[in-house]
Structure formats: structure tokens, C-alpha cells
């Protein structure tokens, strides 16, 4: 019997407060993993956490203090101004 499992197997926090998430998509046959692919996405400080894994949300809530969000937005605005 084939089974598909989606597992968040890596959560990283960058210096900027950005969170990188890696999901492993596993195909299991008779209890043995026969295939695996990865999907990655990033979340910036202050992003909406709707639909995120509980652990990802918990990390974001711990890391994304008001100061982190403010500093991230300030840096993004500065970069935007430099690129005009």
C-alpha cells in the first residue's frame, strides 16, 4: 500500500528574522520510504501565518518581536529606496 506523508523537517531562522521552512514529501510503500522530494518557502517577519504548521507558527511568534518586525520593514524600505 502506498502512502504520502508531508513532514516539516527543517525550520531555520535567519539573522533578519526571516524563517525558512523545508517540507519533505514522502512516498511510503509497505512501511518503507521509496521516494522523497522537498518544497521550501520563506516567511518574512510580520507575514500572515494562516495555514502554517504549528511549529512554524510557534517559532515565528517567539522570534518576531515588534522590534524584529520594525527593523525588517525598515531594512526592506531602505533596499527599495536604493533600487529606485
C-alpha atoms as a PDB file:
ATOM      1  CA  UNK A   1       0.000   0.000   0.000  1.00  0.00           C
ATOM      2  CA  UNK A   2       1.259   3.472  -0.929  1.00  0.00           C
ATOM      3  CA  UNK A   3       1.071   6.346   1.497  1.00  0.00           C
ATOM      4  CA  UNK A   4       2.057  10.003   1.108  1.00  0.00           C
ATOM      5  CA  UNK A   5       3.289  11.993   4.121  1.00  0.00           C
ATOM      6  CA  UNK A   6       4.078  15.694   4.249  1.00  0.00           C
ATOM      7  CA  UNK A   7       6.560  16.483   7.015  1.00  0.00           C
ATOM      8  CA  UNK A   8       8.078  19.824   8.037  1.00  0.00           C
ATOM      9  CA  UNK A   9      11.622  18.622   8.588  1.00  0.00           C
ATOM     10  CA  UNK A  10      13.569  21.868   8.833  1.00  0.00           C
ATOM     11  CA  UNK A  11      12.853  25.327  10.242  1.00  0.00           C
ATOM     12  CA  UNK A  12      15.636  27.909  10.112  1.00  0.00           C
ATOM     13  CA  UNK A  13      15.678  31.482  11.390  1.00  0.00           C
ATOM     14  CA  UNK A  14      17.944  33.913   9.583  1.00  0.00           C
ATOM     15  CA  UNK A  15      19.605  36.937  11.126  1.00  0.00           C
ATOM     16  CA  UNK A  16      16.942  39.190   9.572  1.00  0.00           C
ATOM     17  CA  UNK A  17      14.178  37.209  11.269  1.00  0.00           C
ATOM     18  CA  UNK A  18      13.165  35.533   8.014  1.00  0.00           C
ATOM     19  CA  UNK A  19      12.072  31.932   8.569  1.00  0.00           C
ATOM     20  CA  UNK A  20      12.988  29.291   6.011  1.00  0.00           C
ATOM     21  CA  UNK A  21      10.803  26.176   6.023  1.00  0.00           C
ATOM     22  CA  UNK A  22      11.572  22.877   4.324  1.00  0.00           C
ATOM     23  CA  UNK A  23       8.831  20.297   3.817  1.00  0.00           C
ATOM     24  CA  UNK A  24       9.642  16.724   2.858  1.00  0.00           C
ATOM     25  CA  UNK A  25       7.028  14.960   0.735  1.00  0.00           C
ATOM     26  CA  UNK A  26       7.472  11.248   1.419  1.00  0.00           C
ATOM     27  CA  UNK A  27       6.101   8.312  -0.528  1.00  0.00           C
ATOM     28  CA  UNK A  28       5.948   5.213   1.653  1.00  0.00           C
ATOM     29  CA  UNK A  29       5.262   1.690   0.473  1.00  0.00           C
ATOM     30  CA  UNK A  30       4.733  -1.107   2.965  1.00  0.00           C
ATOM     31  CA  UNK A  31       6.338   0.985   5.728  1.00  0.00           C
ATOM     32  CA  UNK A  32       9.456   1.854   3.698  1.00  0.00           C
ATOM     33  CA  UNK A  33      10.260   5.237   2.220  1.00  0.00           C
ATOM     34  CA  UNK A  34      10.610   4.819  -1.540  1.00  0.00           C
ATOM     35  CA  UNK A  35      10.714   8.462  -2.662  1.00  0.00           C
ATOM     36  CA  UNK A  36      11.231  11.922  -1.206  1.00  0.00           C
ATOM     37  CA  UNK A  37      11.023  15.430  -2.622  1.00  0.00           C
ATOM     38  CA  UNK A  38      11.452  18.782  -0.917  1.00  0.00           C
ATOM     39  CA  UNK A  39       9.499  22.006  -1.007  1.00  0.00           C
ATOM     40  CA  UNK A  40      10.870  25.202   0.536  1.00  0.00           C
ATOM     41  CA  UNK A  41       9.321  28.532   1.361  1.00  0.00           C
ATOM     42  CA  UNK A  42      10.264  31.621   3.354  1.00  0.00           C
ATOM     43  CA  UNK A  43       8.289  33.819   5.691  1.00  0.00           C
ATOM     44  CA  UNK A  44       9.280  37.409   6.368  1.00  0.00           C
ATOM     45  CA  UNK A  45       8.788  38.995   9.793  1.00  0.00           C
ATOM     46  CA  UNK A  46       5.172  40.048  10.114  1.00  0.00           C
ATOM     47  CA  UNK A  47       3.834  37.729   7.377  1.00  0.00           C
ATOM     48  CA  UNK A  48       0.438  36.095   7.846  1.00  0.00           C
ATOM     49  CA  UNK A  49       0.859  32.686   9.494  1.00  0.00           C
ATOM     50  CA  UNK A  50      -2.518  31.287   8.434  1.00  0.00           C
ATOM     51  CA  UNK A  51      -2.124  27.751   7.127  1.00  0.00           C
ATOM     52  CA  UNK A  52       1.381  27.284   8.514  1.00  0.00           C
ATOM     53  CA  UNK A  53       2.436  24.243  10.517  1.00  0.00           C
ATOM     54  CA  UNK A  54       2.004  24.690  14.298  1.00  0.00           C
ATOM     55  CA  UNK A  55       5.744  24.512  14.895  1.00  0.00           C
ATOM     56  CA  UNK A  56       6.462  27.138  12.228  1.00  0.00           C
ATOM     57  CA  UNK A  57       3.878  29.448  13.803  1.00  0.00           C
ATOM     58  CA  UNK A  58       5.351  28.875  17.273  1.00  0.00           C
ATOM     59  CA  UNK A  59       8.847  29.752  16.052  1.00  0.00           C
ATOM     60  CA  UNK A  60       7.554  32.882  14.299  1.00  0.00           C
ATOM     61  CA  UNK A  61       5.666  34.035  17.381  1.00  0.00           C
ATOM     62  CA  UNK A  62       8.787  33.565  19.511  1.00  0.00           C
ATOM     63  CA  UNK A  63      11.158  35.290  17.081  1.00  0.00           C
ATOM     64  CA  UNK A  64       9.044  38.032  15.528  1.00  0.00           C
ATOM     65  CA  UNK A  65       9.051  40.590  18.286  1.00  0.00           C
ATOM     66  CA  UNK A  66       7.738  44.064  17.434  1.00  0.00           C
ATOM     67  CA  UNK A  67      11.371  45.230  17.255  1.00  0.00           C
ATOM     68  CA  UNK A  68      12.329  42.495  14.756  1.00  0.00           C
ATOM     69  CA  UNK A  69       9.352  43.287  12.532  1.00  0.00           C
ATOM     70  CA  UNK A  70      10.089  47.031  12.677  1.00  0.00           C
ATOM     71  CA  UNK A  71      13.783  46.520  11.829  1.00  0.00           C
ATOM     72  CA  UNK A  72      12.951  44.148   8.961  1.00  0.00           C
ATOM     73  CA  UNK A  73      10.469  46.604   7.437  1.00  0.00           C
ATOM     74  CA  UNK A  74      12.989  49.436   7.841  1.00  0.00           C
ATOM     75  CA  UNK A  75      15.675  47.449   6.001  1.00  0.00           C
ATOM     76  CA  UNK A  76      13.276  46.477   3.209  1.00  0.00           C
ATOM     77  CA  UNK A  77      12.279  50.126   2.775  1.00  0.00           C
ATOM     78  CA  UNK A  78      15.961  51.140   2.618  1.00  0.00           C
ATOM     79  CA  UNK A  79      16.647  48.498  -0.037  1.00  0.00           C
ATOM     80  CA  UNK A  80      13.627  49.638  -2.021  1.00  0.00           C
ATOM     81  CA  UNK A  81      14.884  53.229  -1.926  1.00  0.00           C
ATOM     82  CA  UNK A  82      18.364  52.144  -3.081  1.00  0.00           C
ATOM     83  CA  UNK A  83      16.895  50.289  -6.070  1.00  0.00           C
ATOM     84  CA  UNK A  84      14.925  53.266  -7.407  1.00  0.00           C
END
